[in-house]
């Protein structure tokens, strides 16, 4: 999956889950974490992190979740 596909999947997920925001390169920084795993973080302070896989989007709130655990669950070697 490339960056464009990651944003497309994130936007499809957002629409299906009632998110009003649009996922794009102007709002989020995309970092490849694995072959089919991308991490989308807001530019500046990372409030909420979105981990995009071909199957799902995982939302990680810093105060509630552990990004490393989510990445490991998505098959990313740490």
Protein backbone atom coordinates (compact mmCIF):
# COMPACT_ATOMS: atom_id res chain seq x y z
CA UNK A 1 0.00 0.00 0.00
CA UNK A 2 1.33 3.44 -0.84
CA UNK A 3 0.63 6.77 0.86
CA UNK A 4 -2.25 7.67 -1.47
CA UNK A 5 -3.95 4.35 -0.73
CA UNK A 6 -3.47 4.90 3.00
CA UNK A 7 -5.22 8.28 2.82
CA UNK A 8 -7.98 6.80 0.63
CA UNK A 9 -8.59 3.98 3.14
CA UNK A 10 -8.51 6.45 6.04
CA UNK A 11 -11.07 8.69 4.34
CA UNK A 12 -13.36 5.74 3.56
CA UNK A 13 -13.09 4.64 7.19
CA UNK A 14 -13.75 8.20 8.44
CA UNK A 15 -16.86 8.54 6.31
CA UNK A 16 -18.18 5.15 7.48
CA UNK A 17 -17.53 6.09 11.13
CA UNK A 18 -19.00 9.59 11.15
CA UNK A 19 -15.78 11.59 11.19
CA UNK A 20 -16.23 15.09 9.75
CA UNK A 21 -12.53 15.69 9.06
CA UNK A 22 -10.81 14.82 5.81
CA UNK A 23 -7.57 12.88 5.94
CA UNK A 24 -5.01 14.53 3.65
CA UNK A 25 -1.35 15.53 3.49
CA UNK A 26 -2.18 19.11 4.51
CA UNK A 27 -3.59 17.97 7.84
CA UNK A 28 -1.62 14.82 8.59
CA UNK A 29 1.91 13.54 8.28
CA UNK A 30 2.10 10.02 6.86
CA UNK A 31 4.86 7.66 7.95
CA UNK A 32 5.27 4.14 6.61
CA UNK A 33 5.55 1.68 9.50
CA UNK A 34 5.45 -1.51 7.43
CA UNK A 35 4.56 -2.85 3.99
CA UNK A 36 0.86 -2.29 4.55
CA UNK A 37 0.89 -0.09 7.65
CA UNK A 38 0.92 3.70 7.75
CA UNK A 39 0.86 6.01 10.77
CA UNK A 40 -0.99 9.30 10.25
CA UNK A 41 -0.27 12.04 12.78
CA UNK A 42 -1.40 15.67 12.90
CA UNK A 43 1.26 18.21 11.95
CA UNK A 44 2.64 19.67 15.15
CA UNK A 45 1.43 18.07 18.37
CA UNK A 46 0.21 14.51 18.00
CA UNK A 47 -3.18 14.45 19.73
CA UNK A 48 -4.63 11.39 18.07
CA UNK A 49 -2.67 8.97 15.92
CA UNK A 50 -4.29 6.90 13.18
CA UNK A 51 -2.72 3.57 12.20
CA UNK A 52 -3.96 2.57 8.75
CA UNK A 53 -3.80 -1.01 7.50
CA UNK A 54 -5.46 -2.59 4.47
CA UNK A 55 -8.11 -4.01 6.81
CA UNK A 56 -8.82 -1.24 9.31
CA UNK A 57 -7.92 2.09 10.88
CA UNK A 58 -6.85 2.01 14.51
CA UNK A 59 -7.26 5.20 16.54
CA UNK A 60 -4.69 5.73 19.27
CA UNK A 61 -5.26 8.47 21.83
CA UNK A 62 -1.99 9.16 23.70
CA UNK A 63 -3.67 9.11 27.11
CA UNK A 64 -5.61 5.93 26.36
CA UNK A 65 -3.49 3.73 24.12
CA UNK A 66 0.00 2.58 23.39
CA UNK A 67 1.13 3.14 19.81
CA UNK A 68 3.82 0.45 20.05
CA UNK A 69 1.23 -2.15 21.10
CA UNK A 70 -1.04 -1.21 18.19
CA UNK A 71 1.85 -1.40 15.72
CA UNK A 72 2.91 -4.81 17.04
CA UNK A 73 -0.70 -6.01 16.72
CA UNK A 74 -0.61 -4.84 13.09
CA UNK A 75 2.49 -6.95 12.44
CA UNK A 76 5.14 -4.25 12.65
CA UNK A 77 8.40 -5.53 14.14
CA UNK A 78 9.56 -3.29 16.94
